[in-house]
Amino acid sequence: MPKSIHSERHHRFRVLLVQERKAHGLTQTQVAQRLGKPPSYVAKYELGERRLDVLEYLDVAAAIGFDPCALLSALTPNSDTGS
């Protein structure tokens, strides 16, 4: 099994995070400001250079304004959109 940061599912997770941010009309800088972090924080997790732990993920979801459970359900192995 490949390391999760390099898996197709992790790639899909990052794509979904970017899609949510853009769908809410936010830039990386705006999300970073809402999180109280530098813009590089958002850029790095979107590019896969760093991982989000579950609490960070919940903070990102709140900052962007999406349901964190709905996004995760798209990544479950048995979902239609999951890998």
Protein backbone atom coordinates (compact mmCIF):
# COMPACT_ATOMS: atom_id res chain seq x y z
CA MET A 1 0.00 0.00 0.00
CA PRO A 2 1.49 3.39 -0.95
CA LYS A 3 1.92 6.03 1.70
CA SER A 4 -1.33 7.95 2.01
CA ILE A 5 0.24 11.30 1.13
CA HIS A 6 1.14 9.91 -2.30
CA SER A 7 -2.00 7.90 -2.90
CA GLU A 8 -4.66 8.62 -5.49
CA ARG A 9 -7.15 9.16 -2.66
CA HIS A 10 -4.94 11.84 -1.09
CA HIS A 11 -4.65 13.51 -4.49
CA ARG A 12 -8.46 13.46 -4.79
CA PHE A 13 -8.73 14.94 -1.26
CA ARG A 14 -6.49 17.84 -2.29
CA VAL A 15 -8.48 18.39 -5.50
CA LEU A 16 -11.72 18.50 -3.52
CA LEU A 17 -10.27 21.02 -1.05
CA VAL A 18 -9.23 23.30 -3.92
CA GLN A 19 -12.65 22.91 -5.57
CA GLU A 20 -14.41 23.86 -2.32
CA ARG A 21 -12.19 26.91 -1.85
CA LYS A 22 -12.79 28.10 -5.40
CA ALA A 23 -16.53 27.31 -5.27
CA HIS A 24 -16.75 29.62 -2.27
CA GLY A 25 -14.90 32.35 -4.17
CA LEU A 26 -11.90 32.37 -1.87
CA THR A 27 -8.22 32.75 -2.58
CA GLN A 28 -5.51 30.87 -0.71
CA THR A 29 -4.63 34.13 1.03
CA GLN A 30 -8.20 34.68 2.21
CA VAL A 31 -8.43 31.16 3.64
CA ALA A 32 -5.05 31.61 5.33
CA GLN A 33 -6.22 34.88 6.89
CA ARG A 34 -9.34 33.17 8.25
CA LEU A 35 -7.13 30.47 9.74
CA GLY A 36 -4.59 32.93 11.14
CA LYS A 37 -1.86 31.26 9.09
CA PRO A 38 0.50 32.41 6.32
CA PRO A 39 -0.63 31.83 2.72
CA SER A 40 2.11 29.20 2.36
CA TYR A 41 0.16 26.99 4.81
CA VAL A 42 -2.75 26.72 2.38
CA ALA A 43 -0.49 26.40 -0.65
CA LYS A 44 1.45 23.56 0.95
CA TYR A 45 -1.54 21.41 1.85
CA GLU A 46 -3.15 22.07 -1.54
CA LEU A 47 0.06 21.02 -3.31
CA GLY A 48 0.53 17.98 -1.08
CA GLU A 49 3.71 19.30 0.53
CA ARG A 50 2.16 18.99 3.98
CA ARG A 51 -0.63 16.96 5.47
CA LEU A 52 -3.63 18.18 7.42
CA ASP A 53 -4.47 16.39 10.62
CA VAL A 54 -8.15 15.92 11.40
CA LEU A 55 -8.42 19.03 13.59
CA GLU A 56 -6.69 21.18 10.98
CA TYR A 57 -9.05 19.76 8.36
CA LEU A 58 -12.06 20.77 10.47
CA ASP A 59 -10.62 24.28 10.80
CA VAL A 60 -10.09 24.50 7.02
CA ALA A 61 -13.65 23.33 6.37
CA ALA A 62 -15.00 25.97 8.76
CA ALA A 63 -12.82 28.70 7.24
CA ILE A 64 -14.03 27.85 3.74
CA GLY A 65 -17.61 27.10 4.77
CA PHE A 66 -18.25 23.51 3.68
CA ASP A 67 -19.46 20.37 5.43
CA PRO A 68 -16.35 18.35 6.29
CA CYS A 69 -18.31 15.09 6.47
CA ALA A 70 -19.71 15.49 2.96
CA LEU A 71 -16.26 15.92 1.46
CA LEU A 72 -14.90 12.93 3.33
CA SER A 73 -17.79 10.74 2.21
CA ALA A 74 -16.62 11.32 -1.38
CA LEU A 75 -13.32 9.68 -0.40
CA THR A 76 -14.62 6.50 1.20
CA PRO A 77 -13.57 3.36 -0.65
CA ASN A 78 -17.17 2.42 -1.45
CA SER A 79 -18.29 5.82 -2.77
CA ASP A 80 -18.96 6.43 -6.45
CA THR A 81 -16.37 9.24 -6.59
CA GLY A 82 -13.78 7.66 -4.30
CA SER A 83 -10.66 5.85 -5.43
